[in-house]
Amino acid sequence: MSKHTHSFVNNYDEENIVFGLDRETDEKALIAYLQKFTDDEMMQVLVKRLSDEDITGMLDYILGVLKKHLKEEEYHRIFLKDRI
């Protein structure tokens, strides 16, 4: 069984992903946008085209967001899917 899911984007009922209307719409749009971004096919195409600086910049930003907003236990349980 897969540990990770991307079910939100498959059930996203908006025709277009839009930002700037209100917080609730932005939250839903962000989830859908990021799930589309991390789709396996998308990543297979994009990752080969990224520079080393692109990769480092993305990782630095993502890890910074996770560190800022998740407790260590949440990072392991929710992000890494570790069984604690």
PDB file of N, CA and C in Angstrom:
ATOM      1  N   MET A   1       0.834  -1.176   0.000  1.00  0.00           N
ATOM      2  CA  MET A   1       0.000   0.000   0.000  1.00  0.00           C
ATOM      3  C   MET A   1       0.885   1.248   0.000  1.00  0.00           C
ATOM      4  N   SER A   2       0.503   2.238  -0.769  1.00  0.00           N
ATOM      5  CA  SER A   2       1.251   3.470  -0.884  1.00  0.00           C
ATOM      6  C   SER A   2       1.121   4.314   0.387  1.00  0.00           C
ATOM      7  N   LYS A   3       2.228   4.918   0.800  1.00  0.00           N
ATOM      8  CA  LYS A   3       2.208   5.789   1.971  1.00  0.00           C
ATOM      9  C   LYS A   3       1.682   7.178   1.623  1.00  0.00           C
ATOM     10  N   HIS A   4       1.928   7.627   0.403  1.00  0.00           N
ATOM     11  CA  HIS A   4       1.609   8.996   0.023  1.00  0.00           C
ATOM     12  C   HIS A   4       0.374   9.039  -0.869  1.00  0.00           C
ATOM     13  N   THR A   5      -0.344  10.136  -0.773  1.00  0.00           N
ATOM     14  CA  THR A   5      -1.555  10.310  -1.579  1.00  0.00           C
ATOM     15  C   THR A   5      -1.537  11.667  -2.267  1.00  0.00           C
ATOM     16  N   HIS A   6      -2.253  11.740  -3.352  1.00  0.00           N
ATOM     17  CA  HIS A   6      -2.503  12.994  -4.062  1.00  0.00           C
ATOM     18  C   HIS A   6      -3.965  13.023  -4.466  1.00  0.00           C
ATOM     19  N   SER A   7      -4.836  12.640  -3.584  1.00  0.00           N
ATOM     20  CA  SER A   7      -6.252  12.519  -3.928  1.00  0.00           C
ATOM     21  C   SER A   7      -6.966  13.857  -4.044  1.00  0.00           C
ATOM     22  N   PHE A   8      -6.485  14.888  -3.359  1.00  0.00           N
ATOM     23  CA  PHE A   8      -7.176  16.179  -3.391  1.00  0.00           C
ATOM     24  C   PHE A   8      -7.318  16.695  -4.818  1.00  0.00           C
ATOM     25  N   VAL A   9      -6.224  16.687  -5.562  1.00  0.00           N
ATOM     26  CA  VAL A   9      -6.243  17.234  -6.919  1.00  0.00           C
ATOM     27  C   VAL A   9      -7.185  16.449  -7.830  1.00  0.00           C
ATOM     28  N   ASN A  10      -7.331  15.165  -7.581  1.00  0.00           N
ATOM     29  CA  ASN A  10      -8.234  14.350  -8.403  1.00  0.00           C
ATOM     30  C   ASN A  10      -9.697  14.672  -8.141  1.00  0.00           C
ATOM     31  N   ASN A  11      -9.980  15.256  -7.005  1.00  0.00           N
ATOM     32  CA  ASN A  11     -11.351  15.613  -6.652  1.00  0.00           C
ATOM     33  C   ASN A  11     -11.583  17.124  -6.645  1.00  0.00           C
ATOM     34  N   TYR A  12     -10.592  17.894  -7.045  1.00  0.00           N
ATOM     35  CA  TYR A  12     -10.681  19.351  -7.052  1.00  0.00           C
ATOM     36  C   TYR A  12     -11.754  19.757  -8.048  1.00  0.00           C
ATOM     37  N   ASP A  13     -12.762  20.469  -7.587  1.00  0.00           N
ATOM     38  CA  ASP A  13     -13.930  20.736  -8.422  1.00  0.00           C
ATOM     39  C   ASP A  13     -13.875  22.058  -9.179  1.00  0.00           C
ATOM     40  N   GLU A  14     -12.780  22.754  -9.089  1.00  0.00           N
ATOM     41  CA  GLU A  14     -12.652  24.012  -9.808  1.00  0.00           C
ATOM     42  C   GLU A  14     -12.104  23.749 -11.210  1.00  0.00           C
ATOM     43  N   GLU A  15     -12.619  24.482 -12.187  1.00  0.00           N
ATOM     44  CA  GLU A  15     -12.153  24.327 -13.563  1.00  0.00           C
ATOM     45  C   GLU A  15     -10.717  24.815 -13.718  1.00  0.00           C
ATOM     46  N   ASN A  16     -10.412  25.934 -13.075  1.00  0.00           N
ATOM     47  CA  ASN A  16      -9.075  26.514 -13.140  1.00  0.00           C
ATOM     48  C   ASN A  16      -8.546  26.723 -11.728  1.00  0.00           C
ATOM     49  N   ILE A  17      -7.242  26.657 -11.607  1.00  0.00           N
ATOM     50  CA  ILE A  17      -6.614  26.947 -10.330  1.00  0.00           C
ATOM     51  C   ILE A  17      -6.367  28.452 -10.293  1.00  0.00           C
ATOM     52  N   VAL A  18      -7.006  29.111  -9.342  1.00  0.00           N
ATOM     53  CA  VAL A  18      -6.868  30.565  -9.229  1.00  0.00           C
ATOM     54  C   VAL A  18      -6.458  30.946  -7.808  1.00  0.00           C
ATOM     55  N   PHE A  19      -5.717  32.030  -7.713  1.00  0.00           N
ATOM     56  CA  PHE A  19      -5.268  32.558  -6.435  1.00  0.00           C
ATOM     57  C   PHE A  19      -5.744  33.999  -6.295  1.00  0.00           C
ATOM     58  N   GLY A  20      -5.865  34.453  -5.055  1.00  0.00           N
ATOM     59  CA  GLY A  20      -6.133  35.849  -4.788  1.00  0.00           C
ATOM     60  C   GLY A  20      -7.576  36.210  -4.508  1.00  0.00           C
ATOM     61  N   LEU A  21      -8.469  35.231  -4.528  1.00  0.00           N
ATOM     62  CA  LEU A  21      -9.874  35.536  -4.259  1.00  0.00           C
ATOM     63  C   LEU A  21     -10.146  35.638  -2.769  1.00  0.00           C
ATOM     64  N   ASP A  22      -9.724  34.631  -2.025  1.00  0.00           N
ATOM     65  CA  ASP A  22      -9.884  34.608  -0.573  1.00  0.00           C
ATOM     66  C   ASP A  22      -8.993  33.504  -0.030  1.00  0.00           C
ATOM     67  N   ARG A  23      -8.830  33.459   1.272  1.00  0.00           N
ATOM     68  CA  ARG A  23      -7.911  32.504   1.907  1.00  0.00           C
ATOM     69  C   ARG A  23      -8.311  31.059   1.615  1.00  0.00           C
ATOM     70  N   GLU A  24      -9.588  30.726   1.734  1.00  0.00           N
ATOM     71  CA  GLU A  24     -10.037  29.349   1.511  1.00  0.00           C
ATOM     72  C   GLU A  24      -9.740  28.897   0.080  1.00  0.00           C
ATOM     73  N   THR A  25     -10.020  29.746  -0.892  1.00  0.00           N
ATOM     74  CA  THR A  25      -9.738  29.411  -2.286  1.00  0.00           C
ATOM     75  C   THR A  25      -8.243  29.266  -2.508  1.00  0.00           C
ATOM     76  N   ASP A  26      -7.449  30.166  -1.913  1.00  0.00           N
ATOM     77  CA  ASP A  26      -5.990  30.079  -2.040  1.00  0.00           C
ATOM     78  C   ASP A  26      -5.452  28.778  -1.454  1.00  0.00           C
ATOM     79  N   GLU A  27      -5.974  28.364  -0.297  1.00  0.00           N
ATOM     80  CA  GLU A  27      -5.516  27.112   0.319  1.00  0.00           C
ATOM     81  C   GLU A  27      -5.810  25.923  -0.582  1.00  0.00           C
ATOM     82  N   LYS A  28      -7.030  25.855  -1.101  1.00  0.00           N
ATOM     83  CA  LYS A  28      -7.406  24.747  -1.980  1.00  0.00           C
ATOM     84  C   LYS A  28      -6.597  24.780  -3.277  1.00  0.00           C
ATOM     85  N   ALA A  29      -6.432  25.971  -3.834  1.00  0.00           N
ATOM     86  CA  ALA A  29      -5.671  26.106  -5.075  1.00  0.00           C
ATOM     87  C   ALA A  29      -4.212  25.701  -4.867  1.00  0.00           C
ATOM     88  N   LEU A  30      -3.636  26.070  -3.725  1.00  0.00           N
ATOM     89  CA  LEU A  30      -2.249  25.706  -3.436  1.00  0.00           C
ATOM     90  C   LEU A  30      -2.085  24.194  -3.353  1.00  0.00           C
ATOM     91  N   ILE A  31      -2.994  23.533  -2.665  1.00  0.00           N
ATOM     92  CA  ILE A  31      -2.935  22.069  -2.572  1.00  0.00           C
ATOM     93  C   ILE A  31      -3.004  21.453  -3.963  1.00  0.00           C
ATOM     94  N   ALA A  32      -3.972  21.875  -4.760  1.00  0.00           N
ATOM     95  CA  ALA A  32      -4.131  21.327  -6.105  1.00  0.00           C
ATOM     96  C   ALA A  32      -2.896  21.607  -6.962  1.00  0.00           C
ATOM     97  N   TYR A  33      -2.387  22.819  -6.888  1.00  0.00           N
ATOM     98  CA  TYR A  33      -1.226  23.222  -7.688  1.00  0.00           C
ATOM     99  C   TYR A  33       0.011  22.402  -7.325  1.00  0.00           C
ATOM    100  N   LEU A  34       0.257  22.250  -6.026  1.00  0.00           N
ATOM    101  CA  LEU A  34       1.430  21.485  -5.599  1.00  0.00           C
ATOM    102  C   LEU A  34       1.290  20.004  -5.930  1.00  0.00           C
ATOM    103  N   GLN A  35       0.080  19.465  -5.827  1.00  0.00           N
ATOM    104  CA  GLN A  35      -0.104  18.062  -6.186  1.00  0.00           C
ATOM    105  C   GLN A  35       0.086  17.855  -7.685  1.00  0.00           C
ATOM    106  N   LYS A  36      -0.353  18.791  -8.493  1.00  0.00           N
ATOM    107  CA  LYS A  36      -0.086  18.712  -9.931  1.00  0.00           C
ATOM    108  C   LYS A  36       1.416  18.807 -10.195  1.00  0.00           C
ATOM    109  N   PHE A  37       2.075  19.708  -9.482  1.00  0.00           N
ATOM    110  CA  PHE A  37       3.513  19.921  -9.648  1.00  0.00           C
ATOM    111  C   PHE A  37       4.301  18.654  -9.330  1.00  0.00           C
ATOM    112  N   THR A  38       3.884  17.931  -8.287  1.00  0.00           N
ATOM    113  CA  THR A  38       4.638  16.746  -7.859  1.00  0.00           C
ATOM    114  C   THR A  38       4.124  15.445  -8.467  1.00  0.00           C
ATOM    115  N   ASP A  39       3.267  15.535  -9.438  1.00  0.00           N
ATOM    116  CA  ASP A  39       2.818  14.351 -10.163  1.00  0.00           C
ATOM    117  C   ASP A  39       4.046  13.606 -10.720  1.00  0.00           C
ATOM    118  N   ASP A  40       4.028  12.294 -10.681  1.00  0.00           N
ATOM    119  CA  ASP A  40       5.190  11.510 -11.111  1.00  0.00           C
ATOM    120  C   ASP A  40       5.647  11.859 -12.527  1.00  0.00           C
ATOM    121  N   GLU A  41       4.726  11.938 -13.457  1.00  0.00           N
ATOM    122  CA  GLU A  41       5.098  12.254 -14.844  1.00  0.00           C
ATOM    123  C   GLU A  41       5.710  13.648 -14.942  1.00  0.00           C
ATOM    124  N   MET A  42       5.110  14.602 -14.257  1.00  0.00           N
ATOM    125  CA  MET A  42       5.622  15.967 -14.261  1.00  0.00           C
ATOM    126  C   MET A  42       7.043  16.012 -13.718  1.00  0.00           C
ATOM    127  N   MET A  43       7.276  15.336 -12.607  1.00  0.00           N
ATOM    128  CA  MET A  43       8.599  15.348 -11.992  1.00  0.00           C
ATOM    129  C   MET A  43       9.642  14.677 -12.874  1.00  0.00           C
ATOM    130  N   GLN A  44       9.267  13.599 -13.558  1.00  0.00           N
ATOM    131  CA  GLN A  44      10.214  12.924 -14.446  1.00  0.00           C
ATOM    132  C   GLN A  44      10.689  13.850 -15.557  1.00  0.00           C
ATOM    133  N   VAL A  45       9.808  14.684 -16.055  1.00  0.00           N
ATOM    134  CA  VAL A  45      10.177  15.645 -17.102  1.00  0.00           C
ATOM    135  C   VAL A  45      10.984  16.795 -16.514  1.00  0.00           C
ATOM    136  N   LEU A  46      10.490  17.387 -15.434  1.00  0.00           N
ATOM    137  CA  LEU A  46      11.083  18.603 -14.901  1.00  0.00           C
ATOM    138  C   LEU A  46      12.439  18.400 -14.247  1.00  0.00           C
ATOM    139  N   VAL A  47      12.585  17.347 -13.473  1.00  0.00           N
ATOM    140  CA  VAL A  47      13.800  17.179 -12.664  1.00  0.00           C
ATOM    141  C   VAL A  47      15.062  17.123 -13.525  1.00  0.00           C
ATOM    142  N   LYS A  48      14.963  16.580 -14.702  1.00  0.00           N
ATOM    143  CA  LYS A  48      16.128  16.499 -15.598  1.00  0.00           C
ATOM    144  C   LYS A  48      16.526  17.875 -16.135  1.00  0.00           C
ATOM    145  N   ARG A  49      15.604  18.821 -16.095  1.00  0.00           N
ATOM    146  CA  ARG A  49      15.852  20.155 -16.643  1.00  0.00           C
ATOM    147  C   ARG A  49      16.274  21.173 -15.592  1.00  0.00           C
ATOM    148  N   LEU A  50      16.207  20.793 -14.334  1.00  0.00           N
ATOM    149  CA  LEU A  50      16.560  21.709 -13.254  1.00  0.00           C
ATOM    150  C   LEU A  50      18.076  21.824 -13.116  1.00  0.00           C
ATOM    151  N   SER A  51      18.532  23.041 -12.863  1.00  0.00           N
ATOM    152  CA  SER A  51      19.952  23.235 -12.577  1.00  0.00           C
ATOM    153  C   SER A  51      20.220  22.801 -11.138  1.00  0.00           C
ATOM    154  N   ASP A  52      21.487  22.647 -10.805  1.00  0.00           N
ATOM    155  CA  ASP A  52      21.851  22.337  -9.423  1.00  0.00           C
ATOM    156  C   ASP A  52      21.344  23.429  -8.491  1.00  0.00           C
ATOM    157  N   GLU A  53      21.403  24.675  -8.941  1.00  0.00           N
ATOM    158  CA  GLU A  53      20.927  25.803  -8.138  1.00  0.00           C
ATOM    159  C   GLU A  53      19.413  25.735  -7.950  1.00  0.00           C
ATOM    160  N   ASP A  54      18.681  25.327  -8.987  1.00  0.00           N
ATOM    161  CA  ASP A  54      17.231  25.160  -8.866  1.00  0.00           C
ATOM    162  C   ASP A  54      16.896  24.125  -7.793  1.00  0.00           C
ATOM    163  N   ILE A  55      17.590  23.006  -7.847  1.00  0.00           N
ATOM    164  CA  ILE A  55      17.333  21.917  -6.898  1.00  0.00           C
ATOM    165  C   ILE A  55      17.646  22.375  -5.478  1.00  0.00           C
ATOM    166  N   THR A  56      18.815  22.987  -5.295  1.00  0.00           N
ATOM    167  CA  THR A  56      19.204  23.464  -3.973  1.00  0.00           C
ATOM    168  C   THR A  56      18.227  24.511  -3.462  1.00  0.00           C
ATOM    169  N   GLY A  57      17.816  25.428  -4.311  1.00  0.00           N
ATOM    170  CA  GLY A  57      16.882  26.473  -3.909  1.00  0.00           C
ATOM    171  C   GLY A  57      15.536  25.910  -3.493  1.00  0.00           C
ATOM    172  N   MET A  58      15.034  24.957  -4.260  1.00  0.00           N
ATOM    173  CA  MET A  58      13.748  24.336  -3.914  1.00  0.00           C
ATOM    174  C   MET A  58      13.845  23.587  -2.593  1.00  0.00           C
ATOM    175  N   LEU A  59      14.891  22.804  -2.440  1.00  0.00           N
ATOM    176  CA  LEU A  59      15.058  22.040  -1.203  1.00  0.00           C
ATOM    177  C   LEU A  59      15.219  22.959   0.004  1.00  0.00           C
ATOM    178  N   ASP A  60      16.013  24.006  -0.136  1.00  0.00           N
ATOM    179  CA  ASP A  60      16.185  24.957   0.964  1.00  0.00           C
ATOM    180  C   ASP A  60      14.853  25.580   1.349  1.00  0.00           C
ATOM    181  N   TYR A  61      14.061  25.975   0.355  1.00  0.00           N
ATOM    182  CA  TYR A  61      12.779  26.614   0.649  1.00  0.00           C
ATOM    183  C   TYR A  61      11.816  25.632   1.311  1.00  0.00           C
ATOM    184  N   ILE A  62      11.678  24.449   0.737  1.00  0.00           N
ATOM    185  CA  ILE A  62      10.737  23.457   1.272  1.00  0.00           C
ATOM    186  C   ILE A  62      11.129  23.045   2.690  1.00  0.00           C
ATOM    187  N   LEU A  63      12.401  22.748   2.893  1.00  0.00           N
ATOM    188  CA  LEU A  63      12.847  22.361   4.235  1.00  0.00           C
ATOM    189  C   LEU A  63      12.668  23.496   5.234  1.00  0.00           C
ATOM    190  N   GLY A  64      12.868  24.737   4.790  1.00  0.00           N
ATOM    191  CA  GLY A  64      12.646  25.882   5.665  1.00  0.00           C
ATOM    192  C   GLY A  64      11.186  26.011   6.084  1.00  0.00           C
ATOM    193  N   VAL A  65      10.276  25.806   5.139  1.00  0.00           N
ATOM    194  CA  VAL A  65       8.837  25.862   5.449  1.00  0.00           C
ATOM    195  C   VAL A  65       8.462  24.753   6.420  1.00  0.00           C
ATOM    196  N   LEU A  66       8.961  23.547   6.165  1.00  0.00           N
ATOM    197  CA  LEU A  66       8.647  22.426   7.053  1.00  0.00           C
ATOM    198  C   LEU A  66       9.180  22.681   8.461  1.00  0.00           C
ATOM    199  N   LYS A  67      10.412  23.165   8.540  1.00  0.00           N
ATOM    200  CA  LYS A  67      11.015  23.428   9.848  1.00  0.00           C
ATOM    201  C   LYS A  67      10.255  24.519  10.602  1.00  0.00           C
ATOM    202  N   LYS A  68       9.775  25.520   9.868  1.00  0.00           N
ATOM    203  CA  LYS A  68       9.058  26.639  10.482  1.00  0.00           C
ATOM    204  C   LYS A  68       7.686  26.229  11.008  1.00  0.00           C
ATOM    205  N   HIS A  69       7.017  25.321  10.322  1.00  0.00           N
ATOM    206  CA  HIS A  69       5.617  25.061  10.618  1.00  0.00           C
ATOM    207  C   HIS A  69       5.302  23.684  11.212  1.00  0.00           C
ATOM    208  N   LEU A  70       6.279  22.787  11.240  1.00  0.00           N
ATOM    209  CA  LEU A  70       6.031  21.461  11.809  1.00  0.00           C
ATOM    210  C   LEU A  70       6.941  21.217  13.002  1.00  0.00           C
ATOM    211  N   LYS A  71       6.387  20.585  14.011  1.00  0.00           N
ATOM    212  CA  LYS A  71       7.209  20.088  15.110  1.00  0.00           C
ATOM    213  C   LYS A  71       7.970  18.873  14.583  1.00  0.00           C
ATOM    214  N   GLU A  72       9.053  18.514  15.259  1.00  0.00           N
ATOM    215  CA  GLU A  72       9.872  17.398  14.788  1.00  0.00           C
ATOM    216  C   GLU A  72       9.043  16.113  14.665  1.00  0.00           C
ATOM    217  N   GLU A  73       8.185  15.865  15.637  1.00  0.00           N
ATOM    218  CA  GLU A  73       7.336  14.664  15.609  1.00  0.00           C
ATOM    219  C   GLU A  73       6.410  14.698  14.398  1.00  0.00           C
ATOM    220  N   GLU A  74       5.853  15.857  14.087  1.00  0.00           N
ATOM    221  CA  GLU A  74       4.967  15.987  12.927  1.00  0.00           C
ATOM    222  C   GLU A  74       5.734  15.774  11.630  1.00  0.00           C
ATOM    223  N   TYR A  75       6.944  16.303  11.557  1.00  0.00           N
ATOM    224  CA  TYR A  75       7.795  16.112  10.383  1.00  0.00           C
ATOM    225  C   TYR A  75       8.007  14.629  10.104  1.00  0.00           C
ATOM    226  N   HIS A  76       8.310  13.871  11.141  1.00  0.00           N
ATOM    227  CA  HIS A  76       8.546  12.435  10.967  1.00  0.00           C
ATOM    228  C   HIS A  76       7.255  11.681  10.662  1.00  0.00           C
ATOM    229  N   ARG A  77       6.202  11.997  11.387  1.00  0.00           N
ATOM    230  CA  ARG A  77       4.940  11.274  11.233  1.00  0.00           C
ATOM    231  C   ARG A  77       4.199  11.642   9.952  1.00  0.00           C
ATOM    232  N   ILE A  78       4.083  12.934   9.678  1.00  0.00           N
ATOM    233  CA  ILE A  78       3.251  13.387   8.553  1.00  0.00           C
ATOM    234  C   ILE A  78       4.043  13.457   7.258  1.00  0.00           C
ATOM    235  N   PHE A  79       5.225  14.060   7.287  1.00  0.00           N
ATOM    236  CA  PHE A  79       5.999  14.239   6.060  1.00  0.00           C
ATOM    237  C   PHE A  79       6.781  12.979   5.681  1.00  0.00           C
ATOM    238  N   LEU A  80       7.584  12.463   6.590  1.00  0.00           N
ATOM    239  CA  LEU A  80       8.378  11.283   6.286  1.00  0.00           C
ATOM    240  C   LEU A  80       7.578   9.984   6.347  1.00  0.00           C
ATOM    241  N   LYS A  81       6.426  10.023   7.000  1.00  0.00           N
ATOM    242  CA  LYS A  81       5.568   8.844   7.182  1.00  0.00           C
ATOM    243  C   LYS A  81       6.256   7.767   7.997  1.00  0.00           C
ATOM    244  N   ASP A  82       7.112   8.218   8.930  1.00  0.00           N
ATOM    245  CA  ASP A  82       7.761   7.283   9.851  1.00  0.00           C
ATOM    246  C   ASP A  82       6.730   6.760  10.841  1.00  0.00           C
ATOM    247  N   ARG A  83       6.896   5.533  11.213  1.00  0.00           N
ATOM    248  CA  ARG A  83       6.065   4.958  12.271  1.00  0.00           C
ATOM    249  C   ARG A  83       6.816   5.143  13.574  1.00  0.00           C
ATOM    250  N   ILE A  84       6.289   6.033  14.384  1.00  0.00           N
ATOM    251  CA  ILE A  84       6.994   6.352  15.646  1.00  0.00           C
ATOM    252  C   ILE A  84       6.363   5.575  16.782  1.00  0.00           C
TER     253      ILE A  84
END
